[in-house]
Structures are given as C-alpha cells and as structure tokens.
Amino acid sequence: MEGSLSTHERLAERLVKIIVKLNSGEKLSVHELAQEFKTHPRTIQRDFERLEITELPLVRDEVTKRVYLNPMALGNYGVQDIIHFAQISGVHKLYPKLNVPFLRGILDQNKAPTYIAKGYSYEDTSLFTEHFKQLNTAIQQRKQIQFLYKNVSRNVLPYRVIHHHGSWYLAATEQEELKTYRLSRISNISISQDHIFEHDANVLQHLDNEDSIWFGLEKTEVILTVQAEVAMHFLQRALLPEQQVIKQLEDGGLLISSQISHYQQILPLVRYWIPHVKIVNPVELQEELEGELRGYLNFS
C-alpha cells in the first residue's frame, strides 16, 4: 500500500502523531520531528502553525527551541478530538476507517509504518498566519471586518475559512451576497469592534452542503464521455464536481454527468484528461475548449 496514498494523507497522519505526542506531554524538537518523518524542518514548522490556527495551546520554549502543550491542557485531547480534527481538516475520508482501532494501529510507533503519501500541493500558510488568527477571532465573535482585496476595500460579514484544492479562502457575505476571497490576496484586515451580527442559518447550511467555492451561482449540468482506457479512474472515485455515472458504454467507456456553478470548475479537469474525456453537452463548452487548444497549438 506504500506509495498509493496522497501527500494530504501523509500530512494528516503526521499531524495526528504530533498531537498524540503533545497530548502525552512530550516536548518536541522541529529538527528531531523532521528526521523522524523524513521531511524538511520548515514542513514541521508549518505543521505547528496549522495546529496553532486551530487554537491548540502550544508553548514555544525560546531557550530549548522545543514546542509542547500548555500543561493545563494535557490529557484533554483524546481519540474523538483527533477524529474531529480530521473532519474539519477535510482528511477523514482519506482513510478506509477513521475509528479508534484504526487510529491506534497507525499511531503505534512500535509497528513498522504502513502508509506514506505523496503528490499533494498546498499553499504555504505561514505567509498569512496572522490572517488565520484575525479571521478566527472575527468569525467566533461574529464581527464585521474590513480588508483590501486586489487593492479594493471590502466590508464583509465573515462565516468560514475554507480550504479548496490547495488554497485557502474566506467565505463571507458582502451586501447580503455570499462570496469567497482568496486569503493570499487579502491584506490590511481590521475587525470592527462595534458591528456584531448573527450568522444566517441558510448561509451556514449552504456552506456545509456546497463542495465548491462558487457560491450563489446557478448549477449547470455537463455531460461527458470517458474512454474505456481511463474509465476505471472515474468509477473508483468522483474526479469531477458532483459526478454521476449515467451509464457504461458498450466499448467499456462511460457517459457521466457533472454539476458545476462555473466553467472553470471543469475545464482544467477535462484538459488534464485529454484525449480521453470529451464534453458532449453543453456543446459551446466543448467548442470553447477546442478553441483554447487551437490557440495553444498556434502559439509561437
């Protein structure tokens, strides 16, 4: 099974093991952890920053350069807390079962490691750690915020910070319209001390149910054909937004549907699978893709 999983899974496993070490009272060294997990010290440093974003009470000893859990919190985090952390981090479905026996198995350091993960890229969140802290405060306290986004001033009501395909976004309402703002493009955040609001239950439900970051747009159904050579990949898991297999074709290929709110949800994915995937409907979407390809071939 080694090598068959993603870097997302390796990240999840590493974070879980670090939490267990912290909860047992260990004082951790960035360099020692880097050696243990065969990664770069900067990666471990980002792991600690991720944990701090979730308000885990970490203490950094400036003399020994070790990191440990605030003694007042020791023993307060159990298996269910680890499972909850995996759920809010979006990694709980990466493992076949995220239950107590499975967690105990992968966390047992006396056993040979079974899992390793590769191939997942994500933003360096250390570049906007302060954003996470400010947005967490504003969301928890339900306070309006102001910031610059692409050099334009915005006043919004913050709801969630969302990770989507390797990047982080703020989901907020601006003039009662739900929008997303990429964190790496946000600057000069200020929290209003006067404007307190109540989260709209309908907005929260929409955020929980929507898999994409394209909020407030009407869904469009896209019909595609998949050649037999790659059909297995689409049968094993959903590779397209809200993917449904309509039927299996006589030659072993597939006819599938996808629900999208914006063309950019699906065009990059179809490009990746060229020449094995083709858009059947809407026709203009396939024509747009073919036009892009002709432009690329004529590029000099």
C-alpha atoms as a PDB file:
ATOM      1  CA  MET A   1       0.000   0.000   0.000  1.00  0.00           C
ATOM      2  CA  GLU A   2       3.038   2.239   0.425  1.00  0.00           C
ATOM      3  CA  GLY A   3       3.149   4.993  -2.182  1.00  0.00           C
ATOM      4  CA  SER A   4      -0.519   4.595  -3.114  1.00  0.00           C
ATOM      5  CA  LEU A   5      -1.809   7.448  -0.962  1.00  0.00           C
ATOM      6  CA  SER A   6      -1.524  11.233  -1.250  1.00  0.00           C
ATOM      7  CA  THR A   7       0.585  13.835   0.489  1.00  0.00           C
ATOM      8  CA  HIS A   8      -2.674  15.022   2.031  1.00  0.00           C
ATOM      9  CA  GLU A   9      -2.826  11.679   3.842  1.00  0.00           C
ATOM     10  CA  ARG A  10       0.799  11.924   4.937  1.00  0.00           C
ATOM     11  CA  LEU A  11       0.069  15.403   6.303  1.00  0.00           C
ATOM     12  CA  ALA A  12      -2.964  14.074   8.196  1.00  0.00           C
ATOM     13  CA  GLU A  13      -1.003  11.166   9.661  1.00  0.00           C
ATOM     14  CA  ARG A  14       1.877  13.445  10.675  1.00  0.00           C
ATOM     15  CA  LEU A  15      -0.444  15.942  12.380  1.00  0.00           C
ATOM     16  CA  VAL A  16      -2.251  13.193  14.264  1.00  0.00           C
ATOM     17  CA  LYS A  17       1.041  11.747  15.520  1.00  0.00           C
ATOM     18  CA  ILE A  18       2.271  15.185  16.590  1.00  0.00           C
ATOM     19  CA  ILE A  19      -0.974  15.793  18.507  1.00  0.00           C
ATOM     20  CA  VAL A  20      -0.613  12.444  20.279  1.00  0.00           C
ATOM     21  CA  LYS A  21       2.990  13.285  21.244  1.00  0.00           C
ATOM     22  CA  LEU A  22       1.928  16.698  22.541  1.00  0.00           C
ATOM     23  CA  ASN A  23      -1.002  15.252  24.453  1.00  0.00           C
ATOM     24  CA  SER A  24       1.311  12.764  26.149  1.00  0.00           C
ATOM     25  CA  GLY A  25       3.400  15.659  27.476  1.00  0.00           C
ATOM     26  CA  GLU A  26       6.380  15.413  25.110  1.00  0.00           C
ATOM     27  CA  LYS A  27       8.458  18.499  24.345  1.00  0.00           C
ATOM     28  CA  LEU A  28       9.084  18.344  20.630  1.00  0.00           C
ATOM     29  CA  SER A  29      12.013  19.494  18.542  1.00  0.00           C
ATOM     30  CA  VAL A  30      11.361  20.674  14.989  1.00  0.00           C
ATOM     31  CA  HIS A  31      14.593  19.104  13.732  1.00  0.00           C
ATOM     32  CA  GLU A  32      14.010  15.782  15.512  1.00  0.00           C
ATOM     33  CA  LEU A  33      10.496  15.557  14.082  1.00  0.00           C
ATOM     34  CA  ALA A  34      11.841  16.386  10.625  1.00  0.00           C
ATOM     35  CA  GLN A  35      14.243  13.446  10.910  1.00  0.00           C
ATOM     36  CA  GLU A  36      11.519  11.132  12.229  1.00  0.00           C
ATOM     37  CA  PHE A  37       9.073  11.977   9.439  1.00  0.00           C
ATOM     38  CA  LYS A  38      11.809  12.286   6.784  1.00  0.00           C
ATOM     39  CA  THR A  39      10.816  15.812   5.799  1.00  0.00           C
ATOM     40  CA  HIS A  40      12.198  19.366   5.969  1.00  0.00           C
ATOM     41  CA  PRO A  41      12.165  21.336   9.256  1.00  0.00           C
ATOM     42  CA  ARG A  42      10.134  24.057   7.507  1.00  0.00           C
ATOM     43  CA  THR A  43       7.397  21.487   6.904  1.00  0.00           C
ATOM     44  CA  ILE A  44       7.271  20.663  10.631  1.00  0.00           C
ATOM     45  CA  GLN A  45       7.229  24.374  11.441  1.00  0.00           C
ATOM     46  CA  ARG A  46       4.178  24.779   9.176  1.00  0.00           C
ATOM     47  CA  ASP A  47       2.554  21.816  10.959  1.00  0.00           C
ATOM     48  CA  PHE A  48       2.861  23.622  14.298  1.00  0.00           C
ATOM     49  CA  GLU A  49       1.424  26.771  12.708  1.00  0.00           C
ATOM     50  CA  ARG A  50      -1.567  24.755  11.459  1.00  0.00           C
ATOM     51  CA  LEU A  51      -2.146  23.444  14.964  1.00  0.00           C
ATOM     52  CA  GLU A  52      -1.902  26.952  16.420  1.00  0.00           C
ATOM     53  CA  ILE A  53      -4.516  28.134  13.931  1.00  0.00           C
ATOM     54  CA  THR A  54      -6.935  25.600  15.465  1.00  0.00           C
ATOM     55  CA  GLU A  55      -6.198  27.268  18.847  1.00  0.00           C
ATOM     56  CA  LEU A  56      -4.227  24.323  20.218  1.00  0.00           C
ATOM     57  CA  PRO A  57      -2.461  25.890  23.250  1.00  0.00           C
ATOM     58  CA  LEU A  58       1.162  25.383  22.224  1.00  0.00           C
ATOM     59  CA  VAL A  59       4.122  26.742  24.177  1.00  0.00           C
ATOM     60  CA  ARG A  60       7.412  27.526  22.412  1.00  0.00           C
ATOM     61  CA  ASP A  61      10.490  27.431  24.638  1.00  0.00           C
ATOM     62  CA  GLU A  62      12.842  30.093  23.272  1.00  0.00           C
ATOM     63  CA  VAL A  63      15.819  28.562  25.109  1.00  0.00           C
ATOM     64  CA  THR A  64      15.497  24.884  24.164  1.00  0.00           C
ATOM     65  CA  LYS A  65      13.609  25.629  20.915  1.00  0.00           C
ATOM     66  CA  ARG A  66      11.123  22.903  21.826  1.00  0.00           C
ATOM     67  CA  VAL A  67       7.358  23.013  21.457  1.00  0.00           C
ATOM     68  CA  TYR A  68       4.930  21.497  23.933  1.00  0.00           C
ATOM     69  CA  LEU A  69       1.308  21.624  25.013  1.00  0.00           C
ATOM     70  CA  ASN A  70       0.281  24.011  27.760  1.00  0.00           C
ATOM     71  CA  PRO A  71       0.277  21.843  30.929  1.00  0.00           C
ATOM     72  CA  MET A  72      -3.280  22.994  31.689  1.00  0.00           C
ATOM     73  CA  ALA A  73      -4.445  21.256  28.503  1.00  0.00           C
ATOM     74  CA  LEU A  74      -2.576  17.965  28.940  1.00  0.00           C
ATOM     75  CA  GLY A  75      -4.811  14.926  28.698  1.00  0.00           C
ATOM     76  CA  ASN A  76      -7.740  16.937  27.370  1.00  0.00           C
ATOM     77  CA  TYR A  77      -7.413  15.630  23.806  1.00  0.00           C
ATOM     78  CA  GLY A  78      -8.478  12.078  23.039  1.00  0.00           C
ATOM     79  CA  VAL A  79      -9.252   9.930  20.006  1.00  0.00           C
ATOM     80  CA  GLN A  80     -12.572  11.677  19.370  1.00  0.00           C
ATOM     81  CA  ASP A  81     -10.757  15.016  19.290  1.00  0.00           C
ATOM     82  CA  ILE A  82      -8.339  13.609  16.711  1.00  0.00           C
ATOM     83  CA  ILE A  83     -11.268  12.361  14.618  1.00  0.00           C
ATOM     84  CA  HIS A  84     -12.941  15.773  14.881  1.00  0.00           C
ATOM     85  CA  PHE A  85      -9.696  17.461  13.808  1.00  0.00           C
ATOM     86  CA  ALA A  86      -9.535  15.147  10.776  1.00  0.00           C
ATOM     87  CA  GLN A  87     -13.136  16.003   9.868  1.00  0.00           C
ATOM     88  CA  ILE A  88     -12.725  19.783   9.999  1.00  0.00           C
ATOM     89  CA  SER A  89      -9.424  19.446   8.121  1.00  0.00           C
ATOM     90  CA  GLY A  90     -11.135  17.525   5.319  1.00  0.00           C
ATOM     91  CA  VAL A  91      -8.941  14.421   5.592  1.00  0.00           C
ATOM     92  CA  HIS A  92     -11.320  11.998   7.347  1.00  0.00           C
ATOM     93  CA  LYS A  93     -12.362  10.310   4.079  1.00  0.00           C
ATOM     94  CA  LEU A  94      -8.794   9.614   3.009  1.00  0.00           C
ATOM     95  CA  TYR A  95      -8.606   6.529   5.200  1.00  0.00           C
ATOM     96  CA  PRO A  96     -10.864   3.462   4.943  1.00  0.00           C
ATOM     97  CA  LYS A  97     -11.997   3.846   8.558  1.00  0.00           C
ATOM     98  CA  LEU A  98     -11.119   6.632  10.954  1.00  0.00           C
ATOM     99  CA  ASN A  99     -12.187   4.839  14.115  1.00  0.00           C
ATOM    100  CA  VAL A 100     -10.463   4.037  17.402  1.00  0.00           C
ATOM    101  CA  PRO A 101      -8.867   0.684  16.365  1.00  0.00           C
ATOM    102  CA  PHE A 102      -7.580   2.142  13.081  1.00  0.00           C
ATOM    103  CA  LEU A 103      -6.109   5.234  14.770  1.00  0.00           C
ATOM    104  CA  ARG A 104      -4.430   3.152  17.440  1.00  0.00           C
ATOM    105  CA  GLY A 105      -2.912   0.990  14.713  1.00  0.00           C
ATOM    106  CA  ILE A 106      -1.403   3.813  12.672  1.00  0.00           C
ATOM    107  CA  LEU A 107      -0.246   5.692  15.775  1.00  0.00           C
ATOM    108  CA  ASP A 108       1.568   2.725  17.304  1.00  0.00           C
ATOM    109  CA  GLN A 109       5.205   3.738  16.912  1.00  0.00           C
ATOM    110  CA  ASN A 110       6.350   0.215  17.754  1.00  0.00           C
ATOM    111  CA  LYS A 111       4.956  -1.049  14.442  1.00  0.00           C
ATOM    112  CA  ALA A 112       6.537  -0.653  11.026  1.00  0.00           C
ATOM    113  CA  PRO A 113       4.900   2.250   9.122  1.00  0.00           C
ATOM    114  CA  THR A 114       2.292   1.119   6.597  1.00  0.00           C
ATOM    115  CA  TYR A 115       1.221   4.374   4.961  1.00  0.00           C
ATOM    116  CA  ILE A 116       3.083   7.022   3.026  1.00  0.00           C
ATOM    117  CA  ALA A 117       1.564   9.800   0.925  1.00  0.00           C
ATOM    118  CA  LYS A 118       2.833  11.890  -1.989  1.00  0.00           C
ATOM    119  CA  GLY A 119       1.767  14.267  -4.706  1.00  0.00           C
ATOM    120  CA  TYR A 120      -0.457  16.838  -2.976  1.00  0.00           C
ATOM    121  CA  SER A 121       0.448  20.529  -3.130  1.00  0.00           C
ATOM    122  CA  TYR A 122      -0.906  23.316  -0.974  1.00  0.00           C
ATOM    123  CA  GLU A 123      -0.195  26.941  -0.126  1.00  0.00           C
ATOM    124  CA  ASP A 124       2.469  27.932   2.361  1.00  0.00           C
ATOM    125  CA  THR A 125       0.088  29.108   5.093  1.00  0.00           C
ATOM    126  CA  SER A 126       2.936  30.598   7.124  1.00  0.00           C
ATOM    127  CA  LEU A 127       2.754  33.563   4.719  1.00  0.00           C
ATOM    128  CA  PHE A 128      -0.625  34.583   6.150  1.00  0.00           C
ATOM    129  CA  THR A 129      -0.713  33.081   9.637  1.00  0.00           C
ATOM    130  CA  GLU A 130      -1.925  36.402  11.035  1.00  0.00           C
ATOM    131  CA  HIS A 131      -4.901  36.259   8.658  1.00  0.00           C
ATOM    132  CA  PHE A 132      -5.995  32.971  10.239  1.00  0.00           C
ATOM    133  CA  LYS A 133      -5.825  34.425  13.740  1.00  0.00           C
ATOM    134  CA  GLN A 134      -7.760  37.575  12.848  1.00  0.00           C
ATOM    135  CA  LEU A 135     -10.408  35.748  10.829  1.00  0.00           C
ATOM    136  CA  ASN A 136     -10.868  33.136  13.547  1.00  0.00           C
ATOM    137  CA  THR A 137     -11.465  35.916  16.076  1.00  0.00           C
ATOM    138  CA  ALA A 138     -13.903  37.739  13.794  1.00  0.00           C
ATOM    139  CA  ILE A 139     -15.878  34.581  12.964  1.00  0.00           C
ATOM    140  CA  GLN A 140     -16.054  33.400  16.567  1.00  0.00           C
ATOM    141  CA  GLN A 141     -17.123  36.835  17.802  1.00  0.00           C
ATOM    142  CA  ARG A 142     -19.375  37.479  14.765  1.00  0.00           C
ATOM    143  CA  LYS A 143     -17.809  40.816  13.951  1.00  0.00           C
ATOM    144  CA  GLN A 144     -17.726  42.639  10.640  1.00  0.00           C
ATOM    145  CA  ILE A 145     -14.297  43.026   9.061  1.00  0.00           C
ATOM    146  CA  GLN A 146     -12.702  45.317   6.525  1.00  0.00           C
ATOM    147  CA  PHE A 147      -9.746  44.493   4.265  1.00  0.00           C
ATOM    148  CA  LEU A 148      -8.144  45.215   0.918  1.00  0.00           C
ATOM    149  CA  TYR A 149      -8.774  42.621  -1.776  1.00  0.00           C
ATOM    150  CA  LYS A 150      -6.950  43.159  -5.059  1.00  0.00           C
ATOM    151  CA  ASN A 151      -6.432  46.740  -3.820  1.00  0.00           C
ATOM    152  CA  VAL A 152     -10.194  47.303  -3.380  1.00  0.00           C
ATOM    153  CA  SER A 153     -11.635  47.970   0.085  1.00  0.00           C
ATOM    154  CA  ARG A 154     -14.212  45.392   1.241  1.00  0.00           C
ATOM    155  CA  ASN A 155     -16.606  45.357   4.203  1.00  0.00           C
ATOM    156  CA  VAL A 156     -17.886  41.835   4.844  1.00  0.00           C
ATOM    157  CA  LEU A 157     -19.509  39.559   7.403  1.00  0.00           C
ATOM    158  CA  PRO A 158     -17.193  36.523   7.815  1.00  0.00           C
ATOM    159  CA  TYR A 159     -18.566  32.965   8.080  1.00  0.00           C
ATOM    160  CA  ARG A 160     -15.893  30.361   7.364  1.00  0.00           C
ATOM    161  CA  VAL A 161     -12.287  29.877   6.262  1.00  0.00           C
ATOM    162  CA  ILE A 162     -12.324  27.186   3.570  1.00  0.00           C
ATOM    163  CA  HIS A 163      -9.566  25.030   2.111  1.00  0.00           C
ATOM    164  CA  HIS A 164     -10.223  24.160  -1.534  1.00  0.00           C
ATOM    165  CA  HIS A 165      -7.802  22.378  -3.875  1.00  0.00           C
ATOM    166  CA  GLY A 166      -4.669  23.517  -2.059  1.00  0.00           C
ATOM    167  CA  SER A 167      -5.700  27.135  -1.428  1.00  0.00           C
ATOM    168  CA  TRP A 168      -7.442  28.921   1.457  1.00  0.00           C
ATOM    169  CA  TYR A 169     -10.460  31.200   1.044  1.00  0.00           C
ATOM    170  CA  LEU A 170     -12.639  33.352   3.263  1.00  0.00           C
ATOM    171  CA  ALA A 171     -16.379  32.783   2.812  1.00  0.00           C
ATOM    172  CA  ALA A 172     -18.243  35.957   3.734  1.00  0.00           C
ATOM    173  CA  THR A 173     -21.313  37.949   2.803  1.00  0.00           C
ATOM    174  CA  GLU A 174     -20.893  41.330   1.164  1.00  0.00           C
ATOM    175  CA  GLN A 175     -24.118  43.316   0.835  1.00  0.00           C
ATOM    176  CA  GLU A 176     -26.039  40.086   1.598  1.00  0.00           C
ATOM    177  CA  GLU A 177     -24.287  38.174  -1.224  1.00  0.00           C
ATOM    178  CA  LEU A 178     -22.161  35.151  -0.309  1.00  0.00           C
ATOM    179  CA  LYS A 179     -18.681  35.383  -1.835  1.00  0.00           C
ATOM    180  CA  THR A 180     -15.212  33.885  -1.453  1.00  0.00           C
ATOM    181  CA  TYR A 181     -11.912  35.739  -1.146  1.00  0.00           C
ATOM    182  CA  ARG A 182      -8.555  34.043  -1.525  1.00  0.00           C
ATOM    183  CA  LEU A 183      -6.514  34.612   1.636  1.00  0.00           C
ATOM    184  CA  SER A 184      -3.268  35.193  -0.235  1.00  0.00           C
ATOM    185  CA  ARG A 185      -4.846  38.251  -1.914  1.00  0.00           C
ATOM    186  CA  ILE A 186      -6.237  39.772   1.289  1.00  0.00           C
ATOM    187  CA  SER A 187      -4.330  42.489   3.153  1.00  0.00           C
ATOM    188  CA  ASN A 188      -4.873  45.072   5.905  1.00  0.00           C
ATOM    189  CA  ILE A 189      -7.553  43.198   7.854  1.00  0.00           C
ATOM    190  CA  SER A 190      -9.293  45.206  10.565  1.00  0.00           C
ATOM    191  CA  ILE A 191     -12.040  43.954  12.877  1.00  0.00           C
ATOM    192  CA  SER A 192     -14.981  46.208  13.717  1.00  0.00           C
ATOM    193  CA  GLN A 193     -15.499  46.463  17.462  1.00  0.00           C
ATOM    194  CA  ASP A 194     -18.984  47.906  17.046  1.00  0.00           C
ATOM    195  CA  HIS A 195     -20.677  45.865  14.311  1.00  0.00           C
ATOM    196  CA  ILE A 196     -21.749  42.461  15.703  1.00  0.00           C
ATOM    197  CA  PHE A 197     -24.034  40.258  13.587  1.00  0.00           C
ATOM    198  CA  GLU A 198     -25.788  36.893  13.754  1.00  0.00           C
ATOM    199  CA  HIS A 199     -24.782  34.140  11.356  1.00  0.00           C
ATOM    200  CA  ASP A 200     -27.568  33.342   8.889  1.00  0.00           C
ATOM    201  CA  ALA A 201     -28.565  29.665   9.256  1.00  0.00           C
ATOM    202  CA  ASN A 202     -29.262  29.410   5.500  1.00  0.00           C
ATOM    203  CA  VAL A 203     -25.761  30.640   4.673  1.00  0.00           C
ATOM    204  CA  LEU A 204     -24.200  28.149   7.098  1.00  0.00           C
ATOM    205  CA  GLN A 205     -26.206  25.299   5.576  1.00  0.00           C
ATOM    206  CA  HIS A 206     -25.183  26.366   2.071  1.00  0.00           C
ATOM    207  CA  LEU A 207     -21.520  26.362   3.116  1.00  0.00           C
ATOM    208  CA  ASP A 208     -21.864  22.881   4.597  1.00  0.00           C
ATOM    209  CA  ASN A 209     -23.595  21.462   1.504  1.00  0.00           C
ATOM    210  CA  GLU A 210     -21.597  23.106  -1.295  1.00  0.00           C
ATOM    211  CA  ASP A 211     -18.427  21.306  -2.413  1.00  0.00           C
ATOM    212  CA  SER A 212     -17.030  24.191  -4.451  1.00  0.00           C
ATOM    213  CA  ILE A 213     -16.195  27.825  -3.718  1.00  0.00           C
ATOM    214  CA  TRP A 214     -18.507  29.160  -6.436  1.00  0.00           C
ATOM    215  CA  PHE A 215     -21.370  30.346  -4.253  1.00  0.00           C
ATOM    216  CA  GLY A 216     -24.618  31.965  -5.341  1.00  0.00           C
ATOM    217  CA  LEU A 217     -24.425  30.756  -8.950  1.00  0.00           C
ATOM    218  CA  GLU A 218     -26.964  28.530 -10.669  1.00  0.00           C
ATOM    219  CA  LYS A 219     -25.792  24.965 -11.325  1.00  0.00           C
ATOM    220  CA  THR A 220     -25.276  23.720 -14.901  1.00  0.00           C
ATOM    221  CA  GLU A 221     -25.248  20.051 -15.877  1.00  0.00           C
ATOM    222  CA  VAL A 222     -22.338  18.955 -18.060  1.00  0.00           C
ATOM    223  CA  ILE A 223     -22.478  15.616 -19.916  1.00  0.00           C
ATOM    224  CA  LEU A 224     -19.181  13.957 -20.842  1.00  0.00           C
ATOM    225  CA  THR A 225     -17.897  10.763 -22.419  1.00  0.00           C
ATOM    226  CA  VAL A 226     -14.949   8.906 -20.924  1.00  0.00           C
ATOM    227  CA  GLN A 227     -12.906   6.439 -22.967  1.00  0.00           C
ATOM    228  CA  ALA A 228     -12.532   2.870 -21.746  1.00  0.00           C
ATOM    229  CA  GLU A 229      -8.781   3.301 -21.161  1.00  0.00           C
ATOM    230  CA  VAL A 230      -9.392   5.618 -18.205  1.00  0.00           C
ATOM    231  CA  ALA A 231     -12.929   4.630 -17.169  1.00  0.00           C
ATOM    232  CA  MET A 232     -11.624   2.778 -14.116  1.00  0.00           C
ATOM    233  CA  HIS A 233     -10.368   6.032 -12.568  1.00  0.00           C
ATOM    234  CA  PHE A 234     -13.813   7.638 -12.822  1.00  0.00           C
ATOM    235  CA  LEU A 235     -15.503   4.542 -11.404  1.00  0.00           C
ATOM    236  CA  GLN A 236     -13.171   4.372  -8.410  1.00  0.00           C
ATOM    237  CA  ARG A 237     -13.871   7.926  -7.248  1.00  0.00           C
ATOM    238  CA  ALA A 238     -15.532  11.161  -8.344  1.00  0.00           C
ATOM    239  CA  LEU A 239     -12.985  13.147 -10.348  1.00  0.00           C
ATOM    240  CA  LEU A 240     -15.465  15.817 -11.453  1.00  0.00           C
ATOM    241  CA  PRO A 241     -17.745  18.079  -9.381  1.00  0.00           C
ATOM    242  CA  GLU A 242     -20.877  16.197  -8.244  1.00  0.00           C
ATOM    243  CA  GLN A 243     -20.005  13.411 -10.678  1.00  0.00           C
ATOM    244  CA  GLN A 244     -22.630  10.794 -11.545  1.00  0.00           C
ATOM    245  CA  VAL A 245     -22.199   7.819 -13.882  1.00  0.00           C
ATOM    246  CA  ILE A 246     -25.170   7.805 -16.276  1.00  0.00           C
ATOM    247  CA  LYS A 247     -24.287   4.527 -17.960  1.00  0.00           C
ATOM    248  CA  GLN A 248     -21.432   2.283 -19.041  1.00  0.00           C
ATOM    249  CA  LEU A 249     -20.993   2.178 -22.817  1.00  0.00           C
ATOM    250  CA  GLU A 250     -20.646  -0.981 -24.901  1.00  0.00           C
ATOM    251  CA  ASP A 251     -16.956  -0.300 -25.594  1.00  0.00           C
ATOM    252  CA  GLY A 252     -16.212  -0.010 -21.859  1.00  0.00           C
ATOM    253  CA  GLY A 253     -16.343   3.765 -21.793  1.00  0.00           C
ATOM    254  CA  LEU A 254     -18.647   5.884 -19.651  1.00  0.00           C
ATOM    255  CA  LEU A 255     -21.293   8.543 -20.046  1.00  0.00           C
ATOM    256  CA  ILE A 256     -21.132  10.768 -16.973  1.00  0.00           C
ATOM    257  CA  SER A 257     -22.668  13.984 -15.690  1.00  0.00           C
ATOM    258  CA  SER A 258     -21.254  16.772 -13.557  1.00  0.00           C
ATOM    259  CA  GLN A 259     -22.938  19.716 -11.849  1.00  0.00           C
ATOM    260  CA  ILE A 260     -20.966  22.961 -11.940  1.00  0.00           C
ATOM    261  CA  SER A 261     -21.506  26.591 -10.980  1.00  0.00           C
ATOM    262  CA  HIS A 262     -18.657  27.953 -13.110  1.00  0.00           C
ATOM    263  CA  TYR A 263     -16.932  26.640 -16.232  1.00  0.00           C
ATOM    264  CA  GLN A 264     -13.534  26.873 -14.551  1.00  0.00           C
ATOM    265  CA  GLN A 265     -14.650  24.105 -12.206  1.00  0.00           C
ATOM    266  CA  ILE A 266     -14.483  21.589 -15.025  1.00  0.00           C
ATOM    267  CA  LEU A 267     -12.381  22.908 -17.930  1.00  0.00           C
ATOM    268  CA  PRO A 268      -8.994  22.385 -16.188  1.00  0.00           C
ATOM    269  CA  LEU A 269     -10.048  18.832 -15.287  1.00  0.00           C
ATOM    270  CA  VAL A 270     -11.073  17.999 -18.856  1.00  0.00           C
ATOM    271  CA  ARG A 271      -7.794  19.461 -20.145  1.00  0.00           C
ATOM    272  CA  TYR A 272      -5.932  17.124 -17.801  1.00  0.00           C
ATOM    273  CA  TRP A 273      -7.718  14.060 -19.226  1.00  0.00           C
ATOM    274  CA  ILE A 274      -7.370  14.974 -22.927  1.00  0.00           C
ATOM    275  CA  PRO A 275      -7.720  12.995 -25.213  1.00  0.00           C
ATOM    276  CA  HIS A 276      -9.728  10.520 -23.111  1.00  0.00           C
ATOM    277  CA  VAL A 277     -12.566  12.805 -21.979  1.00  0.00           C
ATOM    278  CA  LYS A 278     -14.894  14.885 -24.187  1.00  0.00           C
ATOM    279  CA  ILE A 279     -17.731  17.271 -23.344  1.00  0.00           C
ATOM    280  CA  VAL A 280     -20.973  16.251 -25.053  1.00  0.00           C
ATOM    281  CA  ASN A 281     -23.192  18.970 -23.632  1.00  0.00           C
ATOM    282  CA  PRO A 282     -23.207  21.989 -23.472  1.00  0.00           C
ATOM    283  CA  VAL A 283     -21.737  21.993 -26.983  1.00  0.00           C
ATOM    284  CA  GLU A 284     -20.412  25.545 -26.581  1.00  0.00           C
ATOM    285  CA  LEU A 285     -18.259  24.419 -23.660  1.00  0.00           C
ATOM    286  CA  GLN A 286     -16.532  21.789 -25.822  1.00  0.00           C
ATOM    287  CA  GLU A 287     -16.136  24.402 -28.572  1.00  0.00           C
ATOM    288  CA  GLU A 288     -14.533  26.800 -26.086  1.00  0.00           C
ATOM    289  CA  LEU A 289     -12.095  24.083 -25.047  1.00  0.00           C
ATOM    290  CA  GLU A 290     -11.219  23.255 -28.664  1.00  0.00           C
ATOM    291  CA  GLY A 291     -10.675  26.959 -29.371  1.00  0.00           C
ATOM    292  CA  GLU A 292      -8.224  27.149 -26.473  1.00  0.00           C
ATOM    293  CA  LEU A 293      -6.344  24.134 -27.823  1.00  0.00           C
ATOM    294  CA  ARG A 294      -6.113  25.622 -31.319  1.00  0.00           C
ATOM    295  CA  GLY A 295      -4.768  28.827 -29.812  1.00  0.00           C
ATOM    296  CA  TYR A 296      -2.196  26.838 -27.870  1.00  0.00           C
ATOM    297  CA  LEU A 297      -1.075  24.872 -30.948  1.00  0.00           C
ATOM    298  CA  ASN A 298      -0.677  28.108 -32.918  1.00  0.00           C
ATOM    299  CA  PHE A 299       1.244  29.771 -30.092  1.00  0.00           C
ATOM    300  CA  SER A 300       4.813  30.664 -31.013  1.00  0.00           C
END
